[in-house]
Amino acid sequence: MIKMDNVHKAFGDNRVLRGMTLEIPRASSMVIIGGSGTGKSVALKSVLGLITPDSGEIYVDGKPAGSGDRDAFLARFGMLFQGGALFDSLPVWQNVAFRLQRGALKRPASE
């Protein structure tokens, strides 16, 4: 479960997240759609702990986001960038599975 409670984030005068409140139940999917610059990536990066919100709370499975073992926490998530940020030498499935194929938390190829 991911819960964002009254999350705010601004970059200078640009207020990107203005009291974002959202709850995504465990074992469900969520799509956030919006135009460029509307806060989609900022929200995701805030959940992952890559950006620190100015205020508000974020929880993953009832615990503050990013608390505990950072590698284990991040291993539970996947993030795929659009277009030019993909590794053009790899097929799509390898771009998606990139994090699972490398590092201390590498998964066996059979998985």
N, C-alpha and C. Protein backbone atom coordinates (compact mmCIF):
# COMPACT_ATOMS: atom_id res chain seq x y z
N MET A 1 0.82 -1.16 0.00
CA MET A 1 0.00 0.00 0.00
C MET A 1 0.88 1.24 0.00
N ILE A 2 0.54 2.19 -0.84
CA ILE A 2 1.24 3.47 -0.89
C ILE A 2 0.25 4.54 -0.49
N LYS A 3 0.64 5.37 0.46
CA LYS A 3 -0.23 6.44 0.91
C LYS A 3 0.54 7.75 0.93
N MET A 4 -0.02 8.74 0.27
CA MET A 4 0.53 10.09 0.29
C MET A 4 -0.51 10.96 1.00
N ASP A 5 -0.09 11.67 2.03
CA ASP A 5 -1.02 12.46 2.82
C ASP A 5 -0.59 13.92 2.84
N ASN A 6 -1.33 14.75 2.08
CA ASN A 6 -1.11 16.20 2.05
C ASN A 6 0.34 16.56 1.71
N VAL A 7 0.86 15.96 0.64
CA VAL A 7 2.26 16.15 0.23
C VAL A 7 2.39 17.42 -0.61
N HIS A 8 3.35 18.23 -0.22
CA HIS A 8 3.65 19.47 -0.93
C HIS A 8 5.11 19.44 -1.38
N LYS A 9 5.37 19.95 -2.59
CA LYS A 9 6.74 20.10 -3.08
C LYS A 9 6.78 21.27 -4.04
N ALA A 10 7.71 22.17 -3.80
CA ALA A 10 7.91 23.32 -4.68
C ALA A 10 9.39 23.42 -5.04
N PHE A 11 9.63 23.96 -6.22
CA PHE A 11 10.98 24.27 -6.67
C PHE A 11 10.99 25.77 -6.91
N GLY A 12 11.48 26.51 -5.92
CA GLY A 12 11.39 27.97 -6.00
C GLY A 12 9.93 28.39 -5.93
N ASP A 13 9.49 29.21 -6.88
CA ASP A 13 8.10 29.66 -6.93
C ASP A 13 7.17 28.66 -7.61
N ASN A 14 7.74 27.62 -8.19
CA ASN A 14 6.94 26.62 -8.91
C ASN A 14 6.43 25.56 -7.93
N ARG A 15 5.17 25.71 -7.51
CA ARG A 15 4.54 24.74 -6.59
C ARG A 15 4.03 23.56 -7.42
N VAL A 16 4.73 22.44 -7.33
CA VAL A 16 4.42 21.28 -8.18
C VAL A 16 3.37 20.38 -7.52
N LEU A 17 3.59 19.96 -6.29
CA LEU A 17 2.61 19.17 -5.56
C LEU A 17 1.97 20.08 -4.51
N ARG A 18 0.66 20.15 -4.53
CA ARG A 18 -0.06 21.06 -3.64
C ARG A 18 -1.08 20.28 -2.81
N GLY A 19 -0.58 19.61 -1.82
CA GLY A 19 -1.47 18.85 -0.94
C GLY A 19 -1.94 17.54 -1.54
N MET A 20 -1.05 16.86 -2.26
CA MET A 20 -1.41 15.60 -2.90
C MET A 20 -1.74 14.54 -1.85
N THR A 21 -2.93 14.00 -1.95
CA THR A 21 -3.38 12.93 -1.07
C THR A 21 -3.84 11.79 -1.95
N LEU A 22 -3.30 10.61 -1.68
CA LEU A 22 -3.54 9.47 -2.56
C LEU A 22 -3.32 8.20 -1.77
N GLU A 23 -4.14 7.20 -2.01
CA GLU A 23 -3.92 5.89 -1.40
C GLU A 23 -4.08 4.83 -2.47
N ILE A 24 -3.04 4.02 -2.63
CA ILE A 24 -3.05 2.92 -3.61
C ILE A 24 -3.01 1.62 -2.82
N PRO A 25 -4.10 0.85 -2.84
CA PRO A 25 -4.13 -0.41 -2.07
C PRO A 25 -3.08 -1.40 -2.57
N ARG A 26 -2.65 -2.26 -1.68
CA ARG A 26 -1.69 -3.33 -2.01
C ARG A 26 -2.25 -4.19 -3.14
N ALA A 27 -1.39 -4.65 -4.02
CA ALA A 27 -1.71 -5.54 -5.14
C ALA A 27 -2.64 -4.88 -6.15
N SER A 28 -2.56 -3.57 -6.26
CA SER A 28 -3.34 -2.88 -7.29
C SER A 28 -2.40 -2.02 -8.12
N SER A 29 -2.89 -1.57 -9.25
CA SER A 29 -2.10 -0.71 -10.14
C SER A 29 -2.75 0.66 -10.19
N MET A 30 -1.94 1.65 -10.45
CA MET A 30 -2.43 3.02 -10.54
C MET A 30 -1.71 3.70 -11.70
N VAL A 31 -2.44 4.48 -12.45
CA VAL A 31 -1.86 5.27 -13.52
C VAL A 31 -2.11 6.73 -13.20
N ILE A 32 -1.09 7.53 -13.29
CA ILE A 32 -1.23 8.97 -13.11
C ILE A 32 -0.94 9.61 -14.46
N ILE A 33 -1.94 10.30 -15.00
CA ILE A 33 -1.82 10.90 -16.33
C ILE A 33 -1.92 12.41 -16.19
N GLY A 34 -1.08 13.12 -16.92
CA GLY A 34 -1.15 14.58 -16.91
C GLY A 34 -0.14 15.15 -17.88
N GLY A 35 -0.28 16.40 -18.14
CA GLY A 35 0.63 17.09 -19.05
C GLY A 35 2.02 17.23 -18.47
N SER A 36 2.91 17.69 -19.31
CA SER A 36 4.29 17.93 -18.90
C SER A 36 4.34 18.97 -17.79
N GLY A 37 5.11 18.67 -16.74
CA GLY A 37 5.30 19.62 -15.65
C GLY A 37 4.20 19.64 -14.61
N THR A 38 3.32 18.64 -14.61
CA THR A 38 2.20 18.65 -13.66
C THR A 38 2.48 17.88 -12.37
N GLY A 39 3.66 17.27 -12.24
CA GLY A 39 4.04 16.65 -10.98
C GLY A 39 4.03 15.13 -10.95
N LYS A 40 3.81 14.48 -12.08
CA LYS A 40 3.78 13.01 -12.10
C LYS A 40 5.10 12.43 -11.63
N SER A 41 6.19 12.84 -12.21
CA SER A 41 7.51 12.32 -11.85
C SER A 41 7.92 12.76 -10.46
N VAL A 42 7.56 13.96 -10.07
CA VAL A 42 7.89 14.45 -8.73
C VAL A 42 7.18 13.59 -7.68
N ALA A 43 5.93 13.22 -7.94
CA ALA A 43 5.20 12.36 -7.01
C ALA A 43 5.90 11.01 -6.90
N LEU A 44 6.24 10.40 -8.02
CA LEU A 44 6.91 9.10 -8.01
C LEU A 44 8.27 9.18 -7.31
N LYS A 45 9.05 10.19 -7.64
CA LYS A 45 10.37 10.34 -7.02
C LYS A 45 10.26 10.61 -5.52
N SER A 46 9.17 11.24 -5.10
CA SER A 46 8.94 11.47 -3.67
C SER A 46 8.66 10.14 -2.96
N VAL A 47 7.84 9.29 -3.57
CA VAL A 47 7.57 7.97 -2.99
C VAL A 47 8.86 7.17 -2.86
N LEU A 48 9.72 7.25 -3.87
CA LEU A 48 10.97 6.49 -3.86
C LEU A 48 12.04 7.10 -2.96
N GLY A 49 11.79 8.31 -2.46
CA GLY A 49 12.77 8.96 -1.60
C GLY A 49 13.87 9.66 -2.36
N LEU A 50 13.70 9.84 -3.67
CA LEU A 50 14.70 10.54 -4.48
C LEU A 50 14.54 12.05 -4.36
N ILE A 51 13.36 12.48 -3.99
CA ILE A 51 13.05 13.89 -3.72
C ILE A 51 12.38 13.93 -2.35
N THR A 52 12.76 14.88 -1.53
CA THR A 52 12.14 15.03 -0.21
C THR A 52 11.03 16.07 -0.30
N PRO A 53 9.81 15.68 0.06
CA PRO A 53 8.71 16.67 0.03
C PRO A 53 8.97 17.80 1.02
N ASP A 54 8.39 18.95 0.73
CA ASP A 54 8.50 20.09 1.66
C ASP A 54 7.65 19.85 2.90
N SER A 55 6.52 19.17 2.72
CA SER A 55 5.67 18.82 3.85
C SER A 55 4.77 17.67 3.44
N GLY A 56 4.11 17.07 4.44
CA GLY A 56 3.24 15.93 4.18
C GLY A 56 3.96 14.63 4.53
N GLU A 57 3.22 13.54 4.42
CA GLU A 57 3.73 12.23 4.79
C GLU A 57 3.53 11.24 3.66
N ILE A 58 4.49 10.32 3.51
CA ILE A 58 4.39 9.25 2.52
C ILE A 58 4.71 7.94 3.23
N TYR A 59 3.83 6.95 3.04
CA TYR A 59 4.00 5.65 3.67
C TYR A 59 3.94 4.56 2.60
N VAL A 60 4.73 3.53 2.79
CA VAL A 60 4.67 2.32 1.97
C VAL A 60 4.49 1.16 2.94
N ASP A 61 3.39 0.45 2.78
CA ASP A 61 3.03 -0.65 3.69
C ASP A 61 3.05 -0.21 5.16
N GLY A 62 2.55 1.00 5.42
CA GLY A 62 2.42 1.50 6.77
C GLY A 62 3.67 2.08 7.38
N LYS A 63 4.79 2.04 6.66
CA LYS A 63 6.06 2.57 7.18
C LYS A 63 6.43 3.81 6.37
N PRO A 64 7.12 4.76 7.00
CA PRO A 64 7.55 5.93 6.23
C PRO A 64 8.38 5.52 5.01
N ALA A 65 8.05 6.10 3.87
CA ALA A 65 8.74 5.77 2.62
C ALA A 65 10.24 5.98 2.77
N GLY A 66 11.00 5.04 2.28
CA GLY A 66 12.45 5.15 2.30
C GLY A 66 13.10 4.79 3.62
N SER A 67 12.32 4.39 4.62
CA SER A 67 12.92 4.02 5.90
C SER A 67 13.49 2.60 5.80
N GLY A 68 14.45 2.32 6.65
CA GLY A 68 15.04 0.99 6.66
C GLY A 68 16.10 0.82 5.58
N ASP A 69 16.31 -0.41 5.14
CA ASP A 69 17.32 -0.76 4.15
C ASP A 69 16.94 -0.18 2.78
N ARG A 70 17.69 0.81 2.33
CA ARG A 70 17.36 1.53 1.08
C ARG A 70 17.37 0.62 -0.14
N ASP A 71 18.38 -0.26 -0.28
CA ASP A 71 18.43 -1.17 -1.43
C ASP A 71 17.23 -2.10 -1.46
N ALA A 72 16.86 -2.65 -0.31
CA ALA A 72 15.70 -3.54 -0.24
C ALA A 72 14.42 -2.78 -0.57
N PHE A 73 14.32 -1.55 -0.08
CA PHE A 73 13.14 -0.72 -0.36
C PHE A 73 13.03 -0.44 -1.86
N LEU A 74 14.11 0.02 -2.47
CA LEU A 74 14.08 0.38 -3.89
C LEU A 74 13.90 -0.85 -4.79
N ALA A 75 14.33 -2.02 -4.32
CA ALA A 75 14.19 -3.24 -5.12
C ALA A 75 12.73 -3.62 -5.32
N ARG A 76 11.85 -3.06 -4.53
CA ARG A 76 10.42 -3.36 -4.65
C ARG A 76 9.74 -2.54 -5.74
N PHE A 77 10.46 -1.60 -6.35
CA PHE A 77 9.89 -0.69 -7.32
C PHE A 77 10.62 -0.79 -8.65
N GLY A 78 9.93 -0.41 -9.70
CA GLY A 78 10.54 -0.29 -11.02
C GLY A 78 10.16 1.06 -11.59
N MET A 79 11.05 1.63 -12.36
CA MET A 79 10.79 2.93 -12.97
C MET A 79 11.39 2.89 -14.36
N LEU A 80 10.58 3.20 -15.34
CA LEU A 80 11.03 3.17 -16.72
C LEU A 80 10.79 4.53 -17.33
N PHE A 81 11.82 5.11 -17.90
CA PHE A 81 11.71 6.43 -18.49
C PHE A 81 11.23 6.34 -19.93
N GLN A 82 10.72 7.44 -20.44
CA GLN A 82 10.22 7.48 -21.80
C GLN A 82 11.34 7.64 -22.81
N GLY A 83 11.05 7.22 -24.02
CA GLY A 83 11.86 7.51 -25.19
C GLY A 83 13.35 7.45 -25.03
N GLY A 84 14.01 8.60 -25.13
CA GLY A 84 15.46 8.69 -25.19
C GLY A 84 16.19 8.18 -23.97
N ALA A 85 15.50 7.99 -22.86
CA ALA A 85 16.19 7.52 -21.66
C ALA A 85 16.32 6.00 -21.63
N LEU A 86 15.72 5.32 -22.58
CA LEU A 86 15.86 3.86 -22.65
C LEU A 86 17.25 3.49 -23.16
N PHE A 87 17.73 2.31 -22.79
CA PHE A 87 18.96 1.79 -23.34
C PHE A 87 18.62 1.25 -24.72
N ASP A 88 19.02 1.95 -25.77
CA ASP A 88 18.60 1.55 -27.12
C ASP A 88 19.24 0.26 -27.60
N SER A 89 20.26 -0.20 -26.87
CA SER A 89 20.91 -1.47 -27.25
C SER A 89 20.22 -2.68 -26.62
N LEU A 90 19.22 -2.43 -25.76
CA LEU A 90 18.51 -3.52 -25.08
C LEU A 90 17.06 -3.58 -25.54
N PRO A 91 16.49 -4.79 -25.58
CA PRO A 91 15.05 -4.89 -25.87
C PRO A 91 14.25 -4.32 -24.69
N VAL A 92 12.98 -4.04 -24.93
CA VAL A 92 12.12 -3.42 -23.91
C VAL A 92 12.14 -4.20 -22.60
N TRP A 93 12.01 -5.54 -22.67
CA TRP A 93 11.94 -6.32 -21.43
C TRP A 93 13.21 -6.16 -20.60
N GLN A 94 14.36 -6.01 -21.25
CA GLN A 94 15.60 -5.83 -20.49
C GLN A 94 15.69 -4.43 -19.90
N ASN A 95 15.11 -3.42 -20.57
CA ASN A 95 15.03 -2.10 -19.98
C ASN A 95 14.17 -2.15 -18.72
N VAL A 96 13.04 -2.85 -18.79
CA VAL A 96 12.14 -2.96 -17.64
C VAL A 96 12.79 -3.73 -16.51
N ALA A 97 13.52 -4.79 -16.82
CA ALA A 97 14.12 -5.66 -15.80
C ALA A 97 15.53 -5.23 -15.41
N PHE A 98 16.00 -4.11 -15.88
CA PHE A 98 17.39 -3.69 -15.69
C PHE A 98 17.84 -3.78 -14.23
N ARG A 99 17.08 -3.24 -13.31
CA ARG A 99 17.46 -3.22 -11.89
C ARG A 99 17.52 -4.64 -11.31
N LEU A 100 16.66 -5.52 -11.83
CA LEU A 100 16.62 -6.89 -11.31
C LEU A 100 17.77 -7.74 -11.81
N GLN A 101 18.49 -7.27 -12.80
CA GLN A 101 19.58 -8.04 -13.38
C GLN A 101 20.95 -7.61 -12.89
N ARG A 102 21.00 -6.61 -12.00
CA ARG A 102 22.28 -6.07 -11.58
C ARG A 102 22.31 -5.75 -10.09
N GLY A 103 23.51 -5.63 -9.55
CA GLY A 103 23.69 -5.18 -8.18
C GLY A 103 23.53 -6.27 -7.13
N ALA A 104 23.58 -5.82 -5.89
CA ALA A 104 23.54 -6.73 -4.74
C ALA A 104 22.24 -7.52 -4.67
N LEU A 105 21.18 -6.99 -5.21
CA LEU A 105 19.88 -7.65 -5.15
C LEU A 105 19.51 -8.34 -6.46
N LYS A 106 20.51 -8.67 -7.26
CA LYS A 106 20.31 -9.32 -8.54
C LYS A 106 19.50 -10.61 -8.37
N ARG A 107 18.54 -10.81 -9.25
CA ARG A 107 17.69 -12.00 -9.22
C ARG A 107 18.23 -13.03 -10.23
N PRO A 108 18.04 -14.32 -10.00
CA PRO A 108 18.47 -15.33 -10.95
C PRO A 108 17.73 -15.16 -12.30
N ALA A 109 18.38 -15.48 -13.40
CA ALA A 109 17.79 -15.33 -14.73
C ALA A 109 16.49 -16.12 -14.86
N SER A 110 16.39 -17.24 -14.16
CA SER A 110 15.18 -18.05 -14.24
C SER A 110 13.94 -17.32 -13.72
N GLU A 111 14.15 -16.37 -12.81
CA GLU A 111 13.02 -15.59 -12.29
C GLU A 111 12.62 -14.53 -13.27
